[in-house]
């Protein structure tokens, strides 16, 4: 059970098909994305770099979200995006 006095943050790696960039940060209980540090998320060039970045910040599991540019252009809902928990 989550405590309502503490904000819930979950690590996430966002990948967009056909690109070689990954966005790393956290999402809150309202699915708002923020960086691990103040400001925007970290952009890295591979899933290996993304996992290493999280491990260096003492985070050992994360959601991996896969999106496609087509879904973004057509306005697919967030519920249709693929998400999987991975170990870092």
N, C-alpha and C. Protein backbone atom coordinates (compact mmCIF):
# COMPACT_ATOMS: atom_id res chain seq x y z
N UNK A 1 0.84 -1.18 0.00
CA UNK A 1 0.00 0.00 0.00
C UNK A 1 0.88 1.24 0.00
N UNK A 2 0.59 2.18 -0.86
CA UNK A 2 1.35 3.41 -0.96
C UNK A 2 0.89 4.41 0.09
N UNK A 3 1.85 5.12 0.64
CA UNK A 3 1.52 6.19 1.57
C UNK A 3 1.15 7.43 0.79
N UNK A 4 0.08 8.09 1.18
CA UNK A 4 -0.34 9.29 0.46
C UNK A 4 0.53 10.49 0.76
N UNK A 5 1.38 10.41 1.81
CA UNK A 5 2.23 11.54 2.16
C UNK A 5 3.51 11.59 1.33
N UNK A 6 3.87 10.48 0.68
CA UNK A 6 5.08 10.44 -0.14
C UNK A 6 4.70 10.38 -1.61
N UNK A 7 5.35 11.18 -2.45
CA UNK A 7 5.06 11.08 -3.89
C UNK A 7 5.59 9.76 -4.44
N UNK A 8 4.84 9.15 -5.33
CA UNK A 8 5.24 7.90 -5.96
C UNK A 8 5.97 8.21 -7.26
N UNK A 9 7.22 7.79 -7.36
CA UNK A 9 8.01 7.98 -8.57
C UNK A 9 8.52 6.63 -9.04
N UNK A 10 8.47 6.41 -10.35
CA UNK A 10 8.93 5.15 -10.92
C UNK A 10 9.87 5.45 -12.09
N UNK A 11 11.02 4.80 -12.09
CA UNK A 11 12.00 5.00 -13.16
C UNK A 11 11.43 4.50 -14.48
N UNK A 12 11.78 5.22 -15.56
CA UNK A 12 11.28 4.84 -16.89
C UNK A 12 12.33 5.15 -17.94
N UNK A 13 12.40 4.29 -18.94
CA UNK A 13 13.21 4.50 -20.14
C UNK A 13 12.23 4.55 -21.29
N UNK A 14 12.23 5.65 -22.03
CA UNK A 14 11.31 5.80 -23.15
C UNK A 14 12.10 5.68 -24.45
N UNK A 15 11.66 4.76 -25.30
CA UNK A 15 12.30 4.53 -26.60
C UNK A 15 11.27 4.77 -27.69
N UNK A 16 11.69 5.43 -28.76
CA UNK A 16 10.82 5.65 -29.91
C UNK A 16 11.40 4.84 -31.07
N UNK A 17 10.57 4.02 -31.68
CA UNK A 17 11.02 3.17 -32.78
C UNK A 17 11.71 4.00 -33.87
N UNK A 18 12.70 3.40 -34.50
CA UNK A 18 13.45 4.01 -35.61
C UNK A 18 14.33 5.17 -35.18
N UNK A 19 14.62 5.30 -33.90
CA UNK A 19 15.59 6.30 -33.44
C UNK A 19 16.62 5.59 -32.57
N UNK A 20 17.74 6.23 -32.38
CA UNK A 20 18.77 5.64 -31.53
C UNK A 20 18.96 6.45 -30.26
N UNK A 21 17.89 7.05 -29.77
CA UNK A 21 17.94 7.81 -28.53
C UNK A 21 16.93 7.27 -27.54
N UNK A 22 17.30 7.31 -26.28
CA UNK A 22 16.44 6.86 -25.20
C UNK A 22 16.35 7.98 -24.17
N UNK A 23 15.15 8.23 -23.67
CA UNK A 23 14.93 9.26 -22.66
C UNK A 23 14.77 8.55 -21.32
N UNK A 24 15.57 8.97 -20.33
CA UNK A 24 15.59 8.32 -19.02
C UNK A 24 15.15 9.31 -17.96
N UNK A 25 14.23 8.89 -17.11
CA UNK A 25 13.76 9.74 -16.02
C UNK A 25 12.83 8.96 -15.12
N UNK A 26 11.87 9.65 -14.55
CA UNK A 26 10.87 9.02 -13.69
C UNK A 26 9.49 9.55 -14.04
N UNK A 27 8.47 8.75 -13.75
CA UNK A 27 7.09 9.20 -13.88
C UNK A 27 6.44 9.17 -12.51
N UNK A 28 5.54 10.11 -12.27
CA UNK A 28 4.82 10.14 -11.00
C UNK A 28 3.50 9.39 -11.13
N UNK A 29 2.71 9.40 -10.09
CA UNK A 29 1.45 8.65 -10.08
C UNK A 29 0.44 9.17 -11.10
N UNK A 30 0.65 10.39 -11.61
CA UNK A 30 -0.21 10.96 -12.65
C UNK A 30 0.39 10.79 -14.04
N UNK A 31 1.47 9.98 -14.15
CA UNK A 31 2.17 9.71 -15.39
C UNK A 31 2.87 10.94 -15.97
N UNK A 32 3.26 11.88 -15.12
CA UNK A 32 4.04 13.04 -15.54
C UNK A 32 5.51 12.66 -15.54
N UNK A 33 6.21 12.93 -16.63
CA UNK A 33 7.63 12.59 -16.76
C UNK A 33 8.50 13.74 -16.24
N UNK A 34 9.51 13.39 -15.45
CA UNK A 34 10.52 14.35 -15.00
C UNK A 34 11.87 13.65 -14.98
N UNK A 35 12.94 14.44 -14.98
CA UNK A 35 14.28 13.88 -14.90
C UNK A 35 14.61 13.40 -13.50
N UNK A 36 15.65 12.57 -13.39
CA UNK A 36 16.09 12.12 -12.07
C UNK A 36 16.62 13.29 -11.26
N UNK A 37 17.30 14.17 -11.93
CA UNK A 37 17.79 15.39 -11.29
C UNK A 37 16.87 16.53 -11.70
N UNK A 38 17.09 17.69 -11.15
CA UNK A 38 16.25 18.84 -11.51
C UNK A 38 16.32 19.08 -13.02
N UNK A 39 15.18 19.33 -13.63
CA UNK A 39 15.15 19.61 -15.06
C UNK A 39 14.62 18.45 -15.87
N UNK A 40 15.06 18.39 -17.12
CA UNK A 40 14.55 17.39 -18.04
C UNK A 40 15.26 16.05 -17.88
N UNK A 41 14.76 15.05 -18.57
CA UNK A 41 15.34 13.72 -18.52
C UNK A 41 16.68 13.65 -19.23
N UNK A 42 17.37 12.57 -19.02
CA UNK A 42 18.67 12.31 -19.63
C UNK A 42 18.44 11.62 -20.97
N UNK A 43 19.11 12.09 -22.02
CA UNK A 43 19.03 11.45 -23.34
C UNK A 43 20.32 10.66 -23.54
N UNK A 44 20.18 9.37 -23.84
CA UNK A 44 21.34 8.50 -24.06
C UNK A 44 21.19 7.79 -25.40
N UNK A 45 22.27 7.17 -25.87
CA UNK A 45 22.29 6.59 -27.20
C UNK A 45 21.97 5.11 -27.29
N UNK A 46 21.80 4.43 -26.16
CA UNK A 46 21.48 3.00 -26.22
C UNK A 46 20.78 2.56 -24.94
N UNK A 47 20.15 1.40 -25.02
CA UNK A 47 19.49 0.85 -23.83
C UNK A 47 20.53 0.51 -22.78
N UNK A 48 21.72 0.08 -23.21
CA UNK A 48 22.80 -0.23 -22.27
C UNK A 48 23.21 1.02 -21.49
N UNK A 49 23.34 2.15 -22.18
CA UNK A 49 23.66 3.41 -21.51
C UNK A 49 22.55 3.83 -20.55
N UNK A 50 21.31 3.63 -20.95
CA UNK A 50 20.17 4.00 -20.10
C UNK A 50 20.19 3.19 -18.81
N UNK A 51 20.43 1.88 -18.92
CA UNK A 51 20.49 1.04 -17.73
C UNK A 51 21.66 1.43 -16.83
N UNK A 52 22.81 1.72 -17.43
CA UNK A 52 23.98 2.13 -16.65
C UNK A 52 23.71 3.44 -15.92
N UNK A 53 23.05 4.38 -16.59
CA UNK A 53 22.71 5.66 -15.97
C UNK A 53 21.84 5.44 -14.74
N UNK A 54 20.85 4.56 -14.85
CA UNK A 54 19.98 4.27 -13.71
C UNK A 54 20.74 3.57 -12.59
N UNK A 55 21.58 2.58 -12.94
CA UNK A 55 22.38 1.90 -11.92
C UNK A 55 23.28 2.88 -11.18
N UNK A 56 23.87 3.83 -11.91
CA UNK A 56 24.74 4.83 -11.29
C UNK A 56 23.97 5.74 -10.33
N UNK A 57 22.65 5.75 -10.46
CA UNK A 57 21.78 6.52 -9.56
C UNK A 57 21.04 5.61 -8.58
N UNK A 58 21.60 4.39 -8.38
CA UNK A 58 21.05 3.41 -7.43
C UNK A 58 19.61 3.01 -7.74
N UNK A 59 19.30 2.88 -9.02
CA UNK A 59 17.99 2.39 -9.47
C UNK A 59 18.26 1.11 -10.25
N UNK A 60 17.59 0.03 -9.86
CA UNK A 60 17.93 -1.27 -10.42
C UNK A 60 16.79 -1.94 -11.20
N UNK A 61 15.67 -1.26 -11.35
CA UNK A 61 14.61 -1.72 -12.25
C UNK A 61 13.88 -0.48 -12.77
N UNK A 62 13.29 -0.63 -13.94
CA UNK A 62 12.60 0.50 -14.56
C UNK A 62 11.55 -0.01 -15.52
N UNK A 63 10.63 0.86 -15.88
CA UNK A 63 9.71 0.57 -16.97
C UNK A 63 10.41 0.90 -18.27
N UNK A 64 10.26 0.05 -19.26
CA UNK A 64 10.72 0.33 -20.61
C UNK A 64 9.47 0.58 -21.44
N UNK A 65 9.34 1.80 -21.96
CA UNK A 65 8.17 2.16 -22.77
C UNK A 65 8.61 2.30 -24.22
N UNK A 66 7.95 1.57 -25.10
CA UNK A 66 8.26 1.62 -26.52
C UNK A 66 7.13 2.35 -27.24
N UNK A 67 7.48 3.41 -27.93
CA UNK A 67 6.53 4.18 -28.71
C UNK A 67 6.96 4.16 -30.17
N UNK A 68 6.06 4.51 -31.04
CA UNK A 68 6.43 4.66 -32.45
C UNK A 68 6.05 6.06 -32.91
N UNK A 69 6.78 6.56 -33.87
CA UNK A 69 6.48 7.88 -34.41
C UNK A 69 5.08 7.89 -35.02
N UNK A 70 4.67 6.78 -35.61
CA UNK A 70 3.33 6.67 -36.19
C UNK A 70 2.26 6.90 -35.13
N UNK A 71 2.44 6.26 -33.96
CA UNK A 71 1.47 6.44 -32.87
C UNK A 71 1.40 7.89 -32.44
N UNK A 72 2.56 8.55 -32.37
CA UNK A 72 2.60 9.95 -31.97
C UNK A 72 1.85 10.82 -32.99
N UNK A 73 2.08 10.57 -34.29
CA UNK A 73 1.44 11.38 -35.33
C UNK A 73 -0.07 11.16 -35.37
N UNK A 74 -0.49 9.92 -35.10
CA UNK A 74 -1.92 9.59 -35.19
C UNK A 74 -2.66 9.82 -33.88
N UNK A 75 -1.93 10.19 -32.84
CA UNK A 75 -2.58 10.49 -31.57
C UNK A 75 -3.07 9.29 -30.81
N UNK A 76 -2.34 8.17 -30.90
CA UNK A 76 -2.74 6.99 -30.14
C UNK A 76 -2.73 7.30 -28.65
N UNK A 77 -3.63 6.70 -27.93
CA UNK A 77 -3.69 6.93 -26.49
C UNK A 77 -2.50 6.27 -25.81
N UNK A 78 -2.16 6.79 -24.64
CA UNK A 78 -1.04 6.23 -23.88
C UNK A 78 -1.29 4.78 -23.50
N UNK A 79 -2.54 4.39 -23.39
CA UNK A 79 -2.84 3.02 -22.99
C UNK A 79 -2.44 2.01 -24.05
N UNK A 80 -2.22 2.44 -25.29
CA UNK A 80 -1.84 1.51 -26.35
C UNK A 80 -0.33 1.35 -26.47
N UNK A 81 0.43 2.08 -25.68
CA UNK A 81 1.89 1.97 -25.73
C UNK A 81 2.34 0.72 -24.99
N UNK A 82 3.46 0.18 -25.46
CA UNK A 82 4.01 -1.04 -24.86
C UNK A 82 4.89 -0.67 -23.68
N UNK A 83 4.67 -1.29 -22.53
CA UNK A 83 5.51 -1.09 -21.35
C UNK A 83 5.86 -2.44 -20.75
N UNK A 84 7.12 -2.54 -20.31
CA UNK A 84 7.59 -3.76 -19.66
C UNK A 84 8.57 -3.37 -18.56
N UNK A 85 8.52 -4.06 -17.43
CA UNK A 85 9.49 -3.83 -16.37
C UNK A 85 10.77 -4.57 -16.72
N UNK A 86 11.91 -3.87 -16.62
CA UNK A 86 13.21 -4.49 -16.90
C UNK A 86 14.13 -4.28 -15.70
N UNK A 87 15.13 -5.13 -15.60
CA UNK A 87 16.17 -4.98 -14.58
C UNK A 87 17.31 -4.18 -15.17
N UNK A 88 17.89 -3.33 -14.36
CA UNK A 88 19.01 -2.51 -14.81
C UNK A 88 20.29 -3.12 -14.31
